[in-house]
Structure formats: structure tokens, C-alpha cells
Amino acid sequence: MKHHLLCEAPICAGDINPDFKKEVLWYAGEQICSKTPYAKFQQKQMQINREVKRNAFKNLDLPYTAHELETKSI
């Protein structure tokens, strides 16, 4: 079974859309894909969600793409 068919995260590392890293949006606090090994964007999502739990992340209303999570300072 393909991982992306069961994954509930907005950005799935197994997405079959070749442009998913630039097209799919994720908000801080949302679910993170569990497919391993973790991609750079998943690691950044985990870091952000840890900050969300501590009420230390400010930009809860901004959407992010996997590409932005991997390339920008967030």
C-alpha cells in the first residue's frame, strides 16, 4: 500500500504529485508525515511543532510549503 493513501498530514513525503513541495500548504501545529527516513521539511515541522507546544512559535497563521521549510529561515 502506498504511504500517501493513508497519510493524514497535509504535506506527505510520499506524495505522488511531483510539485508537492511547492504546492501543498502546512500550518504550524498540523500533523506531520511519519514516512521515514525523515526529509528536511519533516524535521523542520517537528522543530516548529515543539515550539508550538511551548507557545514559543509566533506565526501560527502563516502557511508554509515543504520547499519553504527546507530553504528559508523560519
PDB file of N, CA and C in Angstrom:
ATOM      1  N   MET A   1       0.848  -1.183   0.000  1.00  0.00           N
ATOM      2  CA  MET A   1       0.000   0.000   0.000  1.00  0.00           C
ATOM      3  C   MET A   1       0.888   1.238   0.000  1.00  0.00           C
ATOM      4  N   LYS A   2       0.529   2.190  -0.788  1.00  0.00           N
ATOM      5  CA  LYS A   2       1.277   3.441  -0.888  1.00  0.00           C
ATOM      6  C   LYS A   2       1.030   4.296   0.360  1.00  0.00           C
ATOM      7  N   HIS A   3       2.108   4.808   0.924  1.00  0.00           N
ATOM      8  CA  HIS A   3       2.034   5.595   2.156  1.00  0.00           C
ATOM      9  C   HIS A   3       1.075   6.785   2.004  1.00  0.00           C
ATOM     10  N   HIS A   4       1.138   7.486   0.881  1.00  0.00           N
ATOM     11  CA  HIS A   4       0.345   8.708   0.705  1.00  0.00           C
ATOM     12  C   HIS A   4      -1.162   8.464   0.738  1.00  0.00           C
ATOM     13  N   LEU A   5      -1.584   7.230   0.529  1.00  0.00           N
ATOM     14  CA  LEU A   5      -3.018   6.920   0.563  1.00  0.00           C
ATOM     15  C   LEU A   5      -3.564   6.902   1.985  1.00  0.00           C
ATOM     16  N   LEU A   6      -2.699   6.652   2.956  1.00  0.00           N
ATOM     17  CA  LEU A   6      -3.123   6.585   4.356  1.00  0.00           C
ATOM     18  C   LEU A   6      -2.661   7.777   5.198  1.00  0.00           C
ATOM     19  N   CYS A   7      -1.716   8.524   4.684  1.00  0.00           N
ATOM     20  CA  CYS A   7      -1.131   9.635   5.442  1.00  0.00           C
ATOM     21  C   CYS A   7      -2.155  10.752   5.615  1.00  0.00           C
ATOM     22  N   GLU A   8      -2.299  11.237   6.847  1.00  0.00           N
ATOM     23  CA  GLU A   8      -3.253  12.301   7.143  1.00  0.00           C
ATOM     24  C   GLU A   8      -2.599  13.677   7.220  1.00  0.00           C
ATOM     25  N   ALA A   9      -1.289  13.735   7.060  1.00  0.00           N
ATOM     26  CA  ALA A   9      -0.581  15.010   7.118  1.00  0.00           C
ATOM     27  C   ALA A   9      -0.818  15.804   5.832  1.00  0.00           C
ATOM     28  N   PRO A  10      -0.951  17.126   5.950  1.00  0.00           N
ATOM     29  CA  PRO A  10      -1.147  17.937   4.747  1.00  0.00           C
ATOM     30  C   PRO A  10      -0.021  17.748   3.728  1.00  0.00           C
ATOM     31  N   ILE A  11       1.229  17.767   4.202  1.00  0.00           N
ATOM     32  CA  ILE A  11       2.367  17.523   3.322  1.00  0.00           C
ATOM     33  C   ILE A  11       2.860  16.106   3.606  1.00  0.00           C
ATOM     34  N   CYS A  12       2.737  15.241   2.604  1.00  0.00           N
ATOM     35  CA  CYS A  12       3.170  13.849   2.751  1.00  0.00           C
ATOM     36  C   CYS A  12       4.455  13.630   1.961  1.00  0.00           C
ATOM     37  N   ALA A  13       5.450  13.045   2.603  1.00  0.00           N
ATOM     38  CA  ALA A  13       6.722  12.779   1.943  1.00  0.00           C
ATOM     39  C   ALA A  13       6.573  11.769   0.803  1.00  0.00           C
ATOM     40  N   GLY A  14       5.487  11.033   0.802  1.00  0.00           N
ATOM     41  CA  GLY A  14       5.244  10.055  -0.250  1.00  0.00           C
ATOM     42  C   GLY A  14       4.274  10.535  -1.311  1.00  0.00           C
ATOM     43  N   ASP A  15       3.986  11.824  -1.331  1.00  0.00           N
ATOM     44  CA  ASP A  15       3.032  12.396  -2.281  1.00  0.00           C
ATOM     45  C   ASP A  15       3.473  12.082  -3.712  1.00  0.00           C
ATOM     46  N   ILE A  16       2.519  11.666  -4.545  1.00  0.00           N
ATOM     47  CA  ILE A  16       2.854  11.327  -5.930  1.00  0.00           C
ATOM     48  C   ILE A  16       2.893  12.555  -6.843  1.00  0.00           C
ATOM     49  N   ASN A  17       2.403  13.697  -6.358  1.00  0.00           N
ATOM     50  CA  ASN A  17       2.472  14.945  -7.117  1.00  0.00           C
ATOM     51  C   ASN A  17       3.932  15.405  -7.126  1.00  0.00           C
ATOM     52  N   PRO A  18       4.566  15.499  -8.293  1.00  0.00           N
ATOM     53  CA  PRO A  18       5.978  15.885  -8.328  1.00  0.00           C
ATOM     54  C   PRO A  18       6.239  17.306  -7.822  1.00  0.00           C
ATOM     55  N   ASP A  19       5.210  18.139  -7.776  1.00  0.00           N
ATOM     56  CA  ASP A  19       5.376  19.516  -7.323  1.00  0.00           C
ATOM     57  C   ASP A  19       4.841  19.756  -5.913  1.00  0.00           C
ATOM     58  N   PHE A  20       4.623  18.680  -5.148  1.00  0.00           N
ATOM     59  CA  PHE A  20       4.008  18.836  -3.821  1.00  0.00           C
ATOM     60  C   PHE A  20       4.796  19.766  -2.919  1.00  0.00           C
ATOM     61  N   LYS A  21       6.121  19.792  -3.055  1.00  0.00           N
ATOM     62  CA  LYS A  21       6.930  20.630  -2.163  1.00  0.00           C
ATOM     63  C   LYS A  21       6.684  22.119  -2.367  1.00  0.00           C
ATOM     64  N   LYS A  22       6.160  22.494  -3.514  1.00  0.00           N
ATOM     65  CA  LYS A  22       5.894  23.912  -3.780  1.00  0.00           C
ATOM     66  C   LYS A  22       4.406  24.240  -3.796  1.00  0.00           C
ATOM     67  N   GLU A  23       3.540  23.225  -3.809  1.00  0.00           N
ATOM     68  CA  GLU A  23       2.101  23.469  -3.950  1.00  0.00           C
ATOM     69  C   GLU A  23       1.264  23.214  -2.695  1.00  0.00           C
ATOM     70  N   VAL A  24       1.692  22.292  -1.853  1.00  0.00           N
ATOM     71  CA  VAL A  24       0.879  21.897  -0.694  1.00  0.00           C
ATOM     72  C   VAL A  24       1.248  22.751   0.517  1.00  0.00           C
ATOM     73  N   LEU A  25       0.223  23.233   1.204  1.00  0.00           N
ATOM     74  CA  LEU A  25       0.436  24.119   2.353  1.00  0.00           C
ATOM     75  C   LEU A  25       0.305  23.376   3.679  1.00  0.00           C
ATOM     76  N   TRP A  26       1.096  23.798   4.643  1.00  0.00           N
ATOM     77  CA  TRP A  26       1.081  23.252   6.005  1.00  0.00           C
ATOM     78  C   TRP A  26       1.124  24.432   6.974  1.00  0.00           C
ATOM     79  N   TYR A  27       0.368  24.319   8.055  1.00  0.00           N
ATOM     80  CA  TYR A  27       0.363  25.335   9.114  1.00  0.00           C
ATOM     81  C   TYR A  27       0.984  24.745  10.379  1.00  0.00           C
ATOM     82  N   ALA A  28       1.699  25.569  11.099  1.00  0.00           N
ATOM     83  CA  ALA A  28       2.301  25.155  12.363  1.00  0.00           C
ATOM     84  C   ALA A  28       1.236  24.530  13.252  1.00  0.00           C
ATOM     85  N   GLY A  29       1.555  23.392  13.838  1.00  0.00           N
ATOM     86  CA  GLY A  29       0.630  22.681  14.713  1.00  0.00           C
ATOM     87  C   GLY A  29      -0.100  21.546  14.017  1.00  0.00           C
ATOM     88  N   GLU A  30      -0.095  21.534  12.680  1.00  0.00           N
ATOM     89  CA  GLU A  30      -0.776  20.452  11.950  1.00  0.00           C
ATOM     90  C   GLU A  30       0.069  19.178  11.979  1.00  0.00           C
ATOM     91  N   GLN A  31      -0.557  18.098  11.559  1.00  0.00           N
ATOM     92  CA  GLN A  31       0.114  16.801  11.561  1.00  0.00           C
ATOM     93  C   GLN A  31       1.330  16.797  10.647  1.00  0.00           C
ATOM     94  N   ILE A  32       2.257  15.889  10.972  1.00  0.00           N
ATOM     95  CA  ILE A  32       3.489  15.720  10.209  1.00  0.00           C
ATOM     96  C   ILE A  32       3.523  14.291   9.672  1.00  0.00           C
ATOM     97  N   CYS A  33       3.916  14.158   8.428  1.00  0.00           N
ATOM     98  CA  CYS A  33       4.033  12.845   7.795  1.00  0.00           C
ATOM     99  C   CYS A  33       5.026  11.987   8.585  1.00  0.00           C
ATOM    100  N   SER A  34       4.694  10.716   8.758  1.00  0.00           N
ATOM    101  CA  SER A  34       5.537   9.816   9.548  1.00  0.00           C
ATOM    102  C   SER A  34       6.460   8.959   8.685  1.00  0.00           C
ATOM    103  N   LYS A  35       6.465   9.182   7.380  1.00  0.00           N
ATOM    104  CA  LYS A  35       7.318   8.373   6.490  1.00  0.00           C
ATOM    105  C   LYS A  35       8.788   8.624   6.812  1.00  0.00           C
ATOM    106  N   THR A  36       9.536   7.551   6.937  1.00  0.00           N
ATOM    107  CA  THR A  36      10.968   7.642   7.232  1.00  0.00           C
ATOM    108  C   THR A  36      11.762   7.139   6.041  1.00  0.00           C
ATOM    109  N   PRO A  37      13.022   7.539   5.919  1.00  0.00           N
ATOM    110  CA  PRO A  37      13.734   8.496   6.767  1.00  0.00           C
ATOM    111  C   PRO A  37      13.141   9.889   6.601  1.00  0.00           C
ATOM    112  N   TYR A  38      13.204  10.663   7.659  1.00  0.00           N
ATOM    113  CA  TYR A  38      12.610  11.992   7.655  1.00  0.00           C
ATOM    114  C   TYR A  38      13.341  12.915   6.681  1.00  0.00           C
ATOM    115  N   ALA A  39      12.555  13.618   5.869  1.00  0.00           N
ATOM    116  CA  ALA A  39      13.093  14.637   4.978  1.00  0.00           C
ATOM    117  C   ALA A  39      13.374  15.895   5.785  1.00  0.00           C
ATOM    118  N   LYS A  40      14.129  16.803   5.194  1.00  0.00           N
ATOM    119  CA  LYS A  40      14.476  18.047   5.879  1.00  0.00           C
ATOM    120  C   LYS A  40      13.228  18.827   6.293  1.00  0.00           C
ATOM    121  N   PHE A  41      12.205  18.847   5.419  1.00  0.00           N
ATOM    122  CA  PHE A  41      10.986  19.601   5.762  1.00  0.00           C
ATOM    123  C   PHE A  41      10.265  18.976   6.940  1.00  0.00           C
ATOM    124  N   GLN A  42      10.296  17.640   7.075  1.00  0.00           N
ATOM    125  CA  GLN A  42       9.652  16.978   8.214  1.00  0.00           C
ATOM    126  C   GLN A  42      10.383  17.331   9.515  1.00  0.00           C
ATOM    127  N   GLN A  43      11.694  17.358   9.452  1.00  0.00           N
ATOM    128  CA  GLN A  43      12.487  17.708  10.635  1.00  0.00           C
ATOM    129  C   GLN A  43      12.174  19.136  11.080  1.00  0.00           C
ATOM    130  N   LYS A  44      12.037  20.046  10.107  1.00  0.00           N
ATOM    131  CA  LYS A  44      11.703  21.436  10.427  1.00  0.00           C
ATOM    132  C   LYS A  44      10.294  21.519  11.018  1.00  0.00           C
ATOM    133  N   GLN A  45       9.353  20.743  10.473  1.00  0.00           N
ATOM    134  CA  GLN A  45       7.989  20.711  11.016  1.00  0.00           C
ATOM    135  C   GLN A  45       8.002  20.245  12.472  1.00  0.00           C
ATOM    136  N   MET A  46       8.793  19.225  12.770  1.00  0.00           N
ATOM    137  CA  MET A  46       8.878  18.722  14.143  1.00  0.00           C
ATOM    138  C   MET A  46       9.412  19.793  15.073  1.00  0.00           C
ATOM    139  N   GLN A  47      10.427  20.520  14.625  1.00  0.00           N
ATOM    140  CA  GLN A  47      11.002  21.603  15.426  1.00  0.00           C
ATOM    141  C   GLN A  47       9.941  22.679  15.679  1.00  0.00           C
ATOM    142  N   ILE A  48       9.222  23.066  14.637  1.00  0.00           N
ATOM    143  CA  ILE A  48       8.180  24.084  14.777  1.00  0.00           C
ATOM    144  C   ILE A  48       7.091  23.617  15.726  1.00  0.00           C
ATOM    145  N   ASN A  49       6.636  22.367  15.591  1.00  0.00           N
ATOM    146  CA  ASN A  49       5.566  21.870  16.453  1.00  0.00           C
ATOM    147  C   ASN A  49       5.998  21.778  17.913  1.00  0.00           C
ATOM    148  N   ARG A  50       7.282  21.527  18.166  1.00  0.00           N
ATOM    149  CA  ARG A  50       7.779  21.562  19.554  1.00  0.00           C
ATOM    150  C   ARG A  50       7.655  22.988  20.099  1.00  0.00           C
ATOM    151  N   GLU A  51       7.979  23.970  19.266  1.00  0.00           N
ATOM    152  CA  GLU A  51       7.854  25.372  19.680  1.00  0.00           C
ATOM    153  C   GLU A  51       6.388  25.756  19.893  1.00  0.00           C
ATOM    154  N   VAL A  52       5.503  25.236  19.058  1.00  0.00           N
ATOM    155  CA  VAL A  52       4.072  25.499  19.209  1.00  0.00           C
ATOM    156  C   VAL A  52       3.591  25.001  20.571  1.00  0.00           C
ATOM    157  N   LYS A  53       4.019  23.816  20.965  1.00  0.00           N
ATOM    158  CA  LYS A  53       3.601  23.246  22.249  1.00  0.00           C
ATOM    159  C   LYS A  53       4.068  24.085  23.426  1.00  0.00           C
ATOM    160  N   ARG A  54       5.196  24.769  23.254  1.00  0.00           N
ATOM    161  CA  ARG A  54       5.733  25.629  24.317  1.00  0.00           C
ATOM    162  C   ARG A  54       5.229  27.066  24.188  1.00  0.00           C
ATOM    163  N   ASN A  55       4.292  27.297  23.264  1.00  0.00           N
ATOM    164  CA  ASN A  55       3.786  28.641  22.979  1.00  0.00           C
ATOM    165  C   ASN A  55       4.903  29.605  22.589  1.00  0.00           C
ATOM    166  N   ALA A  56       5.924  29.083  21.921  1.00  0.00           N
ATOM    167  CA  ALA A  56       7.073  29.896  21.533  1.00  0.00           C
ATOM    168  C   ALA A  56       7.099  30.199  20.037  1.00  0.00           C
ATOM    169  N   PHE A  57       6.155  29.657  19.282  1.00  0.00           N
ATOM    170  CA  PHE A  57       6.122  29.915  17.838  1.00  0.00           C
ATOM    171  C   PHE A  57       5.064  30.965  17.547  1.00  0.00           C
ATOM    172  N   LYS A  58       5.462  32.020  16.862  1.00  0.00           N
ATOM    173  CA  LYS A  58       4.597  33.187  16.682  1.00  0.00           C
ATOM    174  C   LYS A  58       3.698  33.137  15.446  1.00  0.00           C
ATOM    175  N   ASN A  59       4.176  32.581  14.349  1.00  0.00           N
ATOM    176  CA  ASN A  59       3.480  32.688  13.069  1.00  0.00           C
ATOM    177  C   ASN A  59       2.510  31.531  12.808  1.00  0.00           C
ATOM    178  N   LEU A  60       1.534  31.383  13.672  1.00  0.00           N
ATOM    179  CA  LEU A  60       0.585  30.283  13.542  1.00  0.00           C
ATOM    180  C   LEU A  60      -0.362  30.449  12.350  1.00  0.00           C
ATOM    181  N   ASP A  61      -0.542  31.664  11.884  1.00  0.00           N
ATOM    182  CA  ASP A  61      -1.482  31.931  10.791  1.00  0.00           C
ATOM    183  C   ASP A  61      -0.849  31.847   9.409  1.00  0.00           C
ATOM    184  N   LEU A  62       0.463  31.674   9.340  1.00  0.00           N
ATOM    185  CA  LEU A  62       1.137  31.642   8.045  1.00  0.00           C
ATOM    186  C   LEU A  62       1.266  30.214   7.521  1.00  0.00           C
ATOM    187  N   PRO A  63       0.911  30.002   6.252  1.00  0.00           N
ATOM    188  CA  PRO A  63       1.111  28.671   5.664  1.00  0.00           C
ATOM    189  C   PRO A  63       2.543  28.532   5.144  1.00  0.00           C
ATOM    190  N   TYR A  64       3.043  27.310   5.136  1.00  0.00           N
ATOM    191  CA  TYR A  64       4.382  27.014   4.639  1.00  0.00           C
ATOM    192  C   TYR A  64       4.310  25.851   3.660  1.00  0.00           C
ATOM    193  N   THR A  65       5.189  25.884   2.670  1.00  0.00           N
ATOM    194  CA  THR A  65       5.343  24.734   1.772  1.00  0.00           C
ATOM    195  C   THR A  65       6.573  23.961   2.234  1.00  0.00           C
ATOM    196  N   ALA A  66       6.694  22.735   1.764  1.00  0.00           N
ATOM    197  CA  ALA A  66       7.882  21.939   2.096  1.00  0.00           C
ATOM    198  C   ALA A  66       9.138  22.636   1.586  1.00  0.00           C
ATOM    199  N   HIS A  67       9.030  23.229   0.417  1.00  0.00           N
ATOM    200  CA  HIS A  67      10.178  23.949  -0.153  1.00  0.00           C
ATOM    201  C   HIS A  67      10.615  25.088   0.771  1.00  0.00           C
ATOM    202  N   GLU A  68       9.654  25.862   1.275  1.00  0.00           N
ATOM    203  CA  GLU A  68       9.988  26.956   2.192  1.00  0.00           C
ATOM    204  C   GLU A  68      10.588  26.424   3.486  1.00  0.00           C
ATOM    205  N   LEU A  69      10.040  25.347   3.992  1.00  0.00           N
ATOM    206  CA  LEU A  69      10.547  24.763   5.233  1.00  0.00           C
ATOM    207  C   LEU A  69      11.992  24.294   5.062  1.00  0.00           C
ATOM    208  N   GLU A  70      12.331  23.850   3.860  1.00  0.00           N
ATOM    209  CA  GLU A  70      13.678  23.341   3.604  1.00  0.00           C
ATOM    210  C   GLU A  70      14.684  24.448   3.273  1.00  0.00           C
ATOM    211  N   THR A  71      14.207  25.582   2.757  1.00  0.00           N
ATOM    212  CA  THR A  71      15.146  26.567   2.233  1.00  0.00           C
ATOM    213  C   THR A  71      15.149  27.909   2.956  1.00  0.00           C
ATOM    214  N   LYS A  72      14.092  28.242   3.675  1.00  0.00           N
ATOM    215  CA  LYS A  72      14.014  29.545   4.329  1.00  0.00           C
ATOM    216  C   LYS A  72      14.295  29.424   5.823  1.00  0.00           C
ATOM    217  N   SER A  73      14.678  30.530   6.405  1.00  0.00           N
ATOM    218  CA  SER A  73      14.853  30.588   7.847  1.00  0.00           C
ATOM    219  C   SER A  73      13.485  30.907   8.455  1.00  0.00           C
ATOM    220  N   ILE A  74      12.912  29.926   9.091  1.00  0.00           N
ATOM    221  CA  ILE A  74      11.573  30.084   9.664  1.00  0.00           C
ATOM    222  C   ILE A  74      11.656  29.937  11.169  1.00  0.00           C
TER     223      ILE A  74
END
